[in-house]
Amino acid sequence: MLARCENPRARSYENYGGRGIKVCPEWHDVTAFITWIETNLGPRPDGMTLDRIDVNGNYEPGNVRWATAIEQRRNRRSRQKIAA
């Protein structure tokens, strides 16, 4: 999450940090991040990973949830190119 949002050398940076997606300052502290997630979302259920509800929004309270791979694929930007 931090690498793809803040490290221009990260493989996925252009799709995250390069688009302006950020991680809220409080979550730069791993302990604070884990505490928030466990308190608000609960432990990670089997087969799920952290997902942003608004794909154009930041990693921050109120915009994350546990989601399956299928749910995450449905919740992504369109990659279709429109011919002129």
C-alpha atoms as a PDB file:
ATOM      1  CA  MET A   1       0.000   0.000   0.000  1.00  0.00           C
ATOM      2  CA  LEU A   2       2.689   2.492   0.982  1.00  0.00           C
ATOM      3  CA  ALA A   3       5.092   1.463  -1.782  1.00  0.00           C
ATOM      4  CA  ARG A   4       2.571   1.651  -4.611  1.00  0.00           C
ATOM      5  CA  CYS A   5       1.321   5.030  -3.386  1.00  0.00           C
ATOM      6  CA  GLU A   6       4.638   6.651  -2.507  1.00  0.00           C
ATOM      7  CA  ASN A   7       7.542   4.936  -4.252  1.00  0.00           C
ATOM      8  CA  PRO A   8       7.869   5.990  -7.907  1.00  0.00           C
ATOM      9  CA  ARG A   9      10.028   2.899  -8.507  1.00  0.00           C
ATOM     10  CA  ALA A  10       7.281   0.515  -7.332  1.00  0.00           C
ATOM     11  CA  ARG A  11       5.747  -1.600 -10.096  1.00  0.00           C
ATOM     12  CA  SER A  12       2.194  -0.342  -9.491  1.00  0.00           C
ATOM     13  CA  TYR A  13       3.061   3.274  -8.672  1.00  0.00           C
ATOM     14  CA  GLU A  14       1.614   4.732 -11.887  1.00  0.00           C
ATOM     15  CA  ASN A  15      -1.812   3.293 -11.020  1.00  0.00           C
ATOM     16  CA  TYR A  16      -1.756   4.562  -7.438  1.00  0.00           C
ATOM     17  CA  GLY A  17       0.654   7.317  -6.402  1.00  0.00           C
ATOM     18  CA  GLY A  18       1.014   8.406 -10.002  1.00  0.00           C
ATOM     19  CA  ARG A  19      -2.755   9.094 -10.052  1.00  0.00           C
ATOM     20  CA  GLY A  20      -2.636  10.960  -6.754  1.00  0.00           C
ATOM     21  CA  ILE A  21      -3.779   8.104  -4.480  1.00  0.00           C
ATOM     22  CA  LYS A  22      -2.326   8.615  -0.993  1.00  0.00           C
ATOM     23  CA  VAL A  23      -2.193   6.823   2.349  1.00  0.00           C
ATOM     24  CA  CYS A  24      -3.512   8.920   5.235  1.00  0.00           C
ATOM     25  CA  PRO A  25      -0.676  10.188   7.461  1.00  0.00           C
ATOM     26  CA  GLU A  26      -1.823   8.180  10.512  1.00  0.00           C
ATOM     27  CA  TRP A  27      -1.441   4.904   8.597  1.00  0.00           C
ATOM     28  CA  HIS A  28       2.243   5.495   7.950  1.00  0.00           C
ATOM     29  CA  ASP A  29       2.651   4.143  11.482  1.00  0.00           C
ATOM     30  CA  VAL A  30       2.183   0.392  11.030  1.00  0.00           C
ATOM     31  CA  THR A  31       0.958  -0.097  14.602  1.00  0.00           C
ATOM     32  CA  ALA A  32      -1.674   2.634  14.207  1.00  0.00           C
ATOM     33  CA  PHE A  33      -2.748   1.149  10.861  1.00  0.00           C
ATOM     34  CA  ILE A  34      -3.134  -2.376  12.235  1.00  0.00           C
ATOM     35  CA  THR A  35      -4.967  -1.095  15.311  1.00  0.00           C
ATOM     36  CA  TRP A  36      -7.424   0.897  13.180  1.00  0.00           C
ATOM     37  CA  ILE A  37      -8.068  -2.004  10.812  1.00  0.00           C
ATOM     38  CA  GLU A  38      -8.607  -4.549  13.596  1.00  0.00           C
ATOM     39  CA  THR A  39     -10.849  -2.172  15.561  1.00  0.00           C
ATOM     40  CA  ASN A  40     -12.948  -1.016  12.631  1.00  0.00           C
ATOM     41  CA  LEU A  41     -12.894  -3.863  10.111  1.00  0.00           C
ATOM     42  CA  GLY A  42     -11.919  -6.780  12.292  1.00  0.00           C
ATOM     43  CA  PRO A  43      -9.276  -9.379  11.506  1.00  0.00           C
ATOM     44  CA  ARG A  44      -8.737 -10.168   7.829  1.00  0.00           C
ATOM     45  CA  PRO A  45     -11.168 -12.884   6.772  1.00  0.00           C
ATOM     46  CA  ASP A  46      -9.737 -15.798   4.809  1.00  0.00           C
ATOM     47  CA  GLY A  47      -9.594 -15.062   1.103  1.00  0.00           C
ATOM     48  CA  MET A  48      -9.991 -11.311   1.466  1.00  0.00           C
ATOM     49  CA  THR A  49      -7.662  -8.344   1.146  1.00  0.00           C
ATOM     50  CA  LEU A  50      -7.940  -4.634   1.776  1.00  0.00           C
ATOM     51  CA  ASP A  51      -9.860  -2.748  -0.915  1.00  0.00           C
ATOM     52  CA  ARG A  52     -10.670   0.924  -1.441  1.00  0.00           C
ATOM     53  CA  ILE A  53     -14.414   1.515  -1.732  1.00  0.00           C
ATOM     54  CA  ASP A  54     -13.889   4.550  -3.980  1.00  0.00           C
ATOM     55  CA  VAL A  55     -11.190   3.500  -6.450  1.00  0.00           C
ATOM     56  CA  ASN A  56     -10.242   7.134  -6.944  1.00  0.00           C
ATOM     57  CA  GLY A  57     -10.052   7.815  -3.205  1.00  0.00           C
ATOM     58  CA  ASN A  58      -7.194   7.479  -0.771  1.00  0.00           C
ATOM     59  CA  TYR A  59      -6.338   4.722   1.659  1.00  0.00           C
ATOM     60  CA  GLU A  60      -8.026   6.291   4.667  1.00  0.00           C
ATOM     61  CA  PRO A  61     -10.711   5.623   7.273  1.00  0.00           C
ATOM     62  CA  GLY A  62     -14.101   5.301   5.644  1.00  0.00           C
ATOM     63  CA  ASN A  63     -12.729   4.240   2.255  1.00  0.00           C
ATOM     64  CA  VAL A  64     -11.450   0.725   2.947  1.00  0.00           C
ATOM     65  CA  ARG A  65     -13.064  -2.666   3.405  1.00  0.00           C
ATOM     66  CA  TRP A  66     -12.265  -6.357   3.220  1.00  0.00           C
ATOM     67  CA  ALA A  67     -13.076  -7.719  -0.242  1.00  0.00           C
ATOM     68  CA  THR A  68     -12.632 -10.896  -2.244  1.00  0.00           C
ATOM     69  CA  ALA A  69     -10.637 -10.898  -5.475  1.00  0.00           C
ATOM     70  CA  ILE A  70     -13.911 -10.978  -7.437  1.00  0.00           C
ATOM     71  CA  GLU A  71     -15.271  -7.950  -5.550  1.00  0.00           C
ATOM     72  CA  GLN A  72     -12.026  -6.091  -6.189  1.00  0.00           C
ATOM     73  CA  ARG A  73     -12.133  -6.854  -9.920  1.00  0.00           C
ATOM     74  CA  ARG A  74     -15.671  -5.430 -10.069  1.00  0.00           C
ATOM     75  CA  ASN A  75     -14.509  -2.308  -8.210  1.00  0.00           C
ATOM     76  CA  ARG A  76     -11.871  -0.948 -10.552  1.00  0.00           C
ATOM     77  CA  ARG A  77     -11.412   1.768 -13.114  1.00  0.00           C
ATOM     78  CA  SER A  78     -12.390   1.003 -16.665  1.00  0.00           C
ATOM     79  CA  ARG A  79      -9.386   0.347 -18.863  1.00  0.00           C
ATOM     80  CA  GLN A  80     -11.236   0.612 -22.149  1.00  0.00           C
ATOM     81  CA  LYS A  81      -9.833   3.009 -24.688  1.00  0.00           C
ATOM     82  CA  ILE A  82     -12.227   4.875 -26.898  1.00  0.00           C
ATOM     83  CA  ALA A  83     -11.145   5.307 -30.503  1.00  0.00           C
ATOM     84  CA  ALA A  84     -11.433   8.840 -31.859  1.00  0.00           C
END
